[in-house]
């Protein structure tokens, strides 16, 4: 199992709403990093491919709420 780390907050929100488990947020580096489980590497790779290709689809409301939650975690609110 390889963990995936990104500092891209919108990507992190999209991965979460698509079932990829967030392991934690590292605020000790700038920009902050989100660490995800790599337990389903094939699904993770497919989701990243969709995101990078501009083909990410999903529930806008869930995405927005998850994104705002991550931003609050980054700000320490």
N, C-alpha and C. Protein backbone atom coordinates (compact mmCIF):
# COMPACT_ATOMS: atom_id res chain seq x y z
N UNK A 1 0.85 -1.18 0.00
CA UNK A 1 0.00 0.00 0.00
C UNK A 1 0.89 1.25 0.00
N UNK A 2 0.73 2.07 -1.02
CA UNK A 2 1.47 3.31 -1.13
C UNK A 2 0.53 4.47 -0.82
N UNK A 3 0.93 5.35 0.06
CA UNK A 3 0.11 6.52 0.34
C UNK A 3 0.28 7.55 -0.78
N UNK A 4 -0.75 8.33 -1.00
CA UNK A 4 -0.70 9.41 -1.97
C UNK A 4 -0.75 10.72 -1.19
N UNK A 5 0.15 11.64 -1.53
CA UNK A 5 0.22 12.93 -0.85
C UNK A 5 0.04 14.03 -1.88
N UNK A 6 -0.81 15.01 -1.55
CA UNK A 6 -1.03 16.15 -2.43
C UNK A 6 -1.22 17.41 -1.62
N UNK A 7 -0.87 18.54 -2.20
CA UNK A 7 -1.15 19.84 -1.57
C UNK A 7 -2.31 20.53 -2.29
N UNK A 8 -2.93 19.84 -3.24
CA UNK A 8 -4.05 20.35 -4.03
C UNK A 8 -5.36 20.13 -3.26
N UNK A 9 -5.86 21.18 -2.63
CA UNK A 9 -7.06 21.05 -1.79
C UNK A 9 -8.29 20.62 -2.59
N UNK A 10 -8.57 21.19 -3.77
CA UNK A 10 -9.72 20.69 -4.53
C UNK A 10 -9.58 19.21 -4.89
N UNK A 11 -8.40 18.76 -5.28
CA UNK A 11 -8.21 17.35 -5.58
C UNK A 11 -8.46 16.51 -4.33
N UNK A 12 -7.96 16.97 -3.20
CA UNK A 12 -8.18 16.24 -1.94
C UNK A 12 -9.67 16.10 -1.65
N UNK A 13 -10.42 17.17 -1.82
CA UNK A 13 -11.87 17.11 -1.58
C UNK A 13 -12.52 16.11 -2.53
N UNK A 14 -12.11 16.12 -3.78
CA UNK A 14 -12.71 15.22 -4.77
C UNK A 14 -12.38 13.76 -4.47
N UNK A 15 -11.16 13.50 -4.02
CA UNK A 15 -10.80 12.13 -3.65
C UNK A 15 -11.64 11.65 -2.47
N UNK A 16 -11.84 12.51 -1.49
CA UNK A 16 -12.64 12.15 -0.32
C UNK A 16 -14.07 11.80 -0.71
N UNK A 17 -14.70 12.63 -1.54
CA UNK A 17 -16.10 12.34 -1.89
C UNK A 17 -16.22 11.11 -2.79
N UNK A 18 -15.09 10.65 -3.31
CA UNK A 18 -15.09 9.44 -4.13
C UNK A 18 -14.57 8.23 -3.36
N UNK A 19 -14.50 8.33 -2.05
CA UNK A 19 -14.24 7.18 -1.21
C UNK A 19 -12.80 6.88 -0.87
N UNK A 20 -11.87 7.78 -1.17
CA UNK A 20 -10.48 7.56 -0.80
C UNK A 20 -10.28 8.10 0.61
N UNK A 21 -9.73 7.27 1.49
CA UNK A 21 -9.61 7.62 2.91
C UNK A 21 -8.48 8.62 3.14
N UNK A 22 -8.82 9.73 3.78
CA UNK A 22 -7.83 10.72 4.19
C UNK A 22 -7.18 10.25 5.49
N UNK A 23 -5.84 10.11 5.47
CA UNK A 23 -5.12 9.69 6.67
C UNK A 23 -4.76 10.86 7.57
N UNK A 24 -4.54 12.03 6.96
CA UNK A 24 -4.18 13.16 7.79
C UNK A 24 -3.76 14.36 6.97
N UNK A 25 -3.57 15.46 7.68
CA UNK A 25 -3.15 16.72 7.08
C UNK A 25 -1.86 17.14 7.76
N UNK A 26 -0.86 17.46 6.95
CA UNK A 26 0.43 17.90 7.47
C UNK A 26 0.51 19.42 7.30
N UNK A 27 0.33 20.14 8.41
CA UNK A 27 0.40 21.61 8.38
C UNK A 27 1.81 22.12 8.69
N UNK A 28 2.76 21.21 8.91
CA UNK A 28 4.10 21.65 9.27
C UNK A 28 4.94 22.03 8.04
N UNK A 29 4.40 21.81 6.86
CA UNK A 29 5.08 22.20 5.61
C UNK A 29 4.18 23.18 4.87
N UNK A 30 4.80 23.95 4.00
CA UNK A 30 4.03 24.89 3.16
C UNK A 30 4.31 24.59 1.71
N UNK A 31 3.31 24.35 0.91
CA UNK A 31 1.90 24.29 1.29
C UNK A 31 1.59 23.01 2.07
N UNK A 32 0.50 23.07 2.82
CA UNK A 32 0.07 21.91 3.61
C UNK A 32 -0.19 20.72 2.69
N UNK A 33 -0.04 19.52 3.25
CA UNK A 33 -0.20 18.30 2.47
C UNK A 33 -1.31 17.43 3.05
N UNK A 34 -2.04 16.78 2.14
CA UNK A 34 -3.07 15.82 2.50
C UNK A 34 -2.54 14.43 2.16
N UNK A 35 -2.59 13.52 3.12
CA UNK A 35 -2.12 12.15 2.92
C UNK A 35 -3.32 11.21 2.81
N UNK A 36 -3.32 10.40 1.76
CA UNK A 36 -4.43 9.49 1.49
C UNK A 36 -3.96 8.04 1.49
N UNK A 37 -4.90 7.16 1.78
CA UNK A 37 -4.66 5.73 1.72
C UNK A 37 -4.45 5.29 0.28
N UNK A 38 -3.49 4.44 0.09
CA UNK A 38 -3.27 3.86 -1.23
C UNK A 38 -3.75 2.42 -1.28
N UNK A 39 -4.69 2.05 -0.39
CA UNK A 39 -5.14 0.66 -0.30
C UNK A 39 -5.84 0.19 -1.58
N UNK A 40 -6.47 1.10 -2.30
CA UNK A 40 -7.08 0.76 -3.60
C UNK A 40 -6.36 1.58 -4.66
N UNK A 41 -5.13 1.17 -4.95
CA UNK A 41 -4.27 1.94 -5.84
C UNK A 41 -4.86 2.12 -7.22
N UNK A 42 -5.55 1.11 -7.74
CA UNK A 42 -6.14 1.22 -9.07
C UNK A 42 -7.22 2.30 -9.11
N UNK A 43 -8.08 2.33 -8.09
CA UNK A 43 -9.12 3.36 -8.02
C UNK A 43 -8.48 4.74 -7.87
N UNK A 44 -7.48 4.84 -7.00
CA UNK A 44 -6.79 6.11 -6.77
C UNK A 44 -6.17 6.62 -8.07
N UNK A 45 -5.48 5.74 -8.78
CA UNK A 45 -4.85 6.13 -10.06
C UNK A 45 -5.90 6.60 -11.07
N UNK A 46 -7.03 5.89 -11.13
CA UNK A 46 -8.09 6.26 -12.07
C UNK A 46 -8.68 7.63 -11.72
N UNK A 47 -8.91 7.88 -10.43
CA UNK A 47 -9.47 9.16 -10.01
C UNK A 47 -8.50 10.31 -10.31
N UNK A 48 -7.23 10.11 -10.07
CA UNK A 48 -6.24 11.14 -10.37
C UNK A 48 -6.16 11.39 -11.87
N UNK A 49 -6.23 10.33 -12.67
CA UNK A 49 -6.23 10.46 -14.12
C UNK A 49 -7.44 11.28 -14.59
N UNK A 50 -8.62 10.99 -14.01
CA UNK A 50 -9.83 11.76 -14.37
C UNK A 50 -9.66 13.23 -13.99
N UNK A 51 -9.14 13.48 -12.79
CA UNK A 51 -8.95 14.86 -12.31
C UNK A 51 -7.99 15.62 -13.21
N UNK A 52 -6.84 15.02 -13.48
CA UNK A 52 -5.81 15.67 -14.29
C UNK A 52 -6.28 15.89 -15.73
N UNK A 53 -7.16 15.02 -16.21
CA UNK A 53 -7.66 15.13 -17.58
C UNK A 53 -8.86 16.06 -17.72
N UNK A 54 -9.30 16.63 -16.62
CA UNK A 54 -10.46 17.54 -16.67
C UNK A 54 -11.78 16.81 -16.80
N UNK A 55 -11.81 15.54 -16.41
CA UNK A 55 -13.01 14.72 -16.54
C UNK A 55 -13.61 14.32 -15.20
N UNK A 56 -13.30 15.06 -14.16
CA UNK A 56 -13.82 14.75 -12.83
C UNK A 56 -15.29 15.15 -12.74
N UNK A 57 -16.12 14.19 -12.39
CA UNK A 57 -17.55 14.47 -12.22
C UNK A 57 -17.96 14.06 -10.80
N UNK A 58 -19.03 14.64 -10.33
CA UNK A 58 -19.50 14.28 -9.00
C UNK A 58 -20.55 15.25 -8.49
N UNK A 59 -20.92 15.05 -7.26
CA UNK A 59 -21.93 15.86 -6.61
C UNK A 59 -21.32 17.19 -6.16
N UNK A 60 -21.76 18.27 -6.75
CA UNK A 60 -21.19 19.60 -6.47
C UNK A 60 -21.37 20.01 -5.01
N UNK A 61 -22.51 19.69 -4.44
CA UNK A 61 -22.77 20.05 -3.04
C UNK A 61 -21.82 19.32 -2.11
N UNK A 62 -21.64 18.03 -2.32
CA UNK A 62 -20.71 17.25 -1.49
C UNK A 62 -19.29 17.76 -1.65
N UNK A 63 -18.91 18.07 -2.89
CA UNK A 63 -17.57 18.59 -3.15
C UNK A 63 -17.36 19.90 -2.39
N UNK A 64 -18.31 20.82 -2.50
CA UNK A 64 -18.17 22.13 -1.86
C UNK A 64 -18.06 21.99 -0.34
N UNK A 65 -18.94 21.18 0.26
CA UNK A 65 -18.92 21.01 1.71
C UNK A 65 -17.61 20.38 2.18
N UNK A 66 -17.12 19.41 1.44
CA UNK A 66 -15.86 18.75 1.79
C UNK A 66 -14.69 19.71 1.62
N UNK A 67 -14.69 20.47 0.53
CA UNK A 67 -13.65 21.46 0.28
C UNK A 67 -13.58 22.48 1.42
N UNK A 68 -14.74 23.02 1.81
CA UNK A 68 -14.78 24.01 2.90
C UNK A 68 -14.27 23.40 4.21
N UNK A 69 -14.61 22.15 4.46
CA UNK A 69 -14.14 21.47 5.67
C UNK A 69 -12.62 21.37 5.67
N UNK A 70 -12.05 21.04 4.52
CA UNK A 70 -10.59 20.95 4.42
C UNK A 70 -9.92 22.31 4.60
N UNK A 71 -10.52 23.34 4.04
CA UNK A 71 -9.97 24.69 4.19
C UNK A 71 -9.98 25.09 5.67
N UNK A 72 -11.05 24.76 6.37
CA UNK A 72 -11.12 25.07 7.81
C UNK A 72 -10.04 24.31 8.58
N UNK A 73 -9.77 23.05 8.20
CA UNK A 73 -8.71 22.29 8.85
C UNK A 73 -7.35 22.95 8.62
N UNK A 74 -7.15 23.48 7.42
CA UNK A 74 -5.87 24.14 7.12
C UNK A 74 -5.69 25.41 7.92
N UNK A 75 -6.79 26.13 8.14
CA UNK A 75 -6.74 27.39 8.88
C UNK A 75 -6.73 27.17 10.38
N UNK A 76 -7.02 25.93 10.81
CA UNK A 76 -7.05 25.65 12.24
C UNK A 76 -8.33 26.11 12.91
N UNK A 77 -9.38 26.33 12.11
CA UNK A 77 -10.66 26.77 12.68
C UNK A 77 -11.46 25.61 13.18
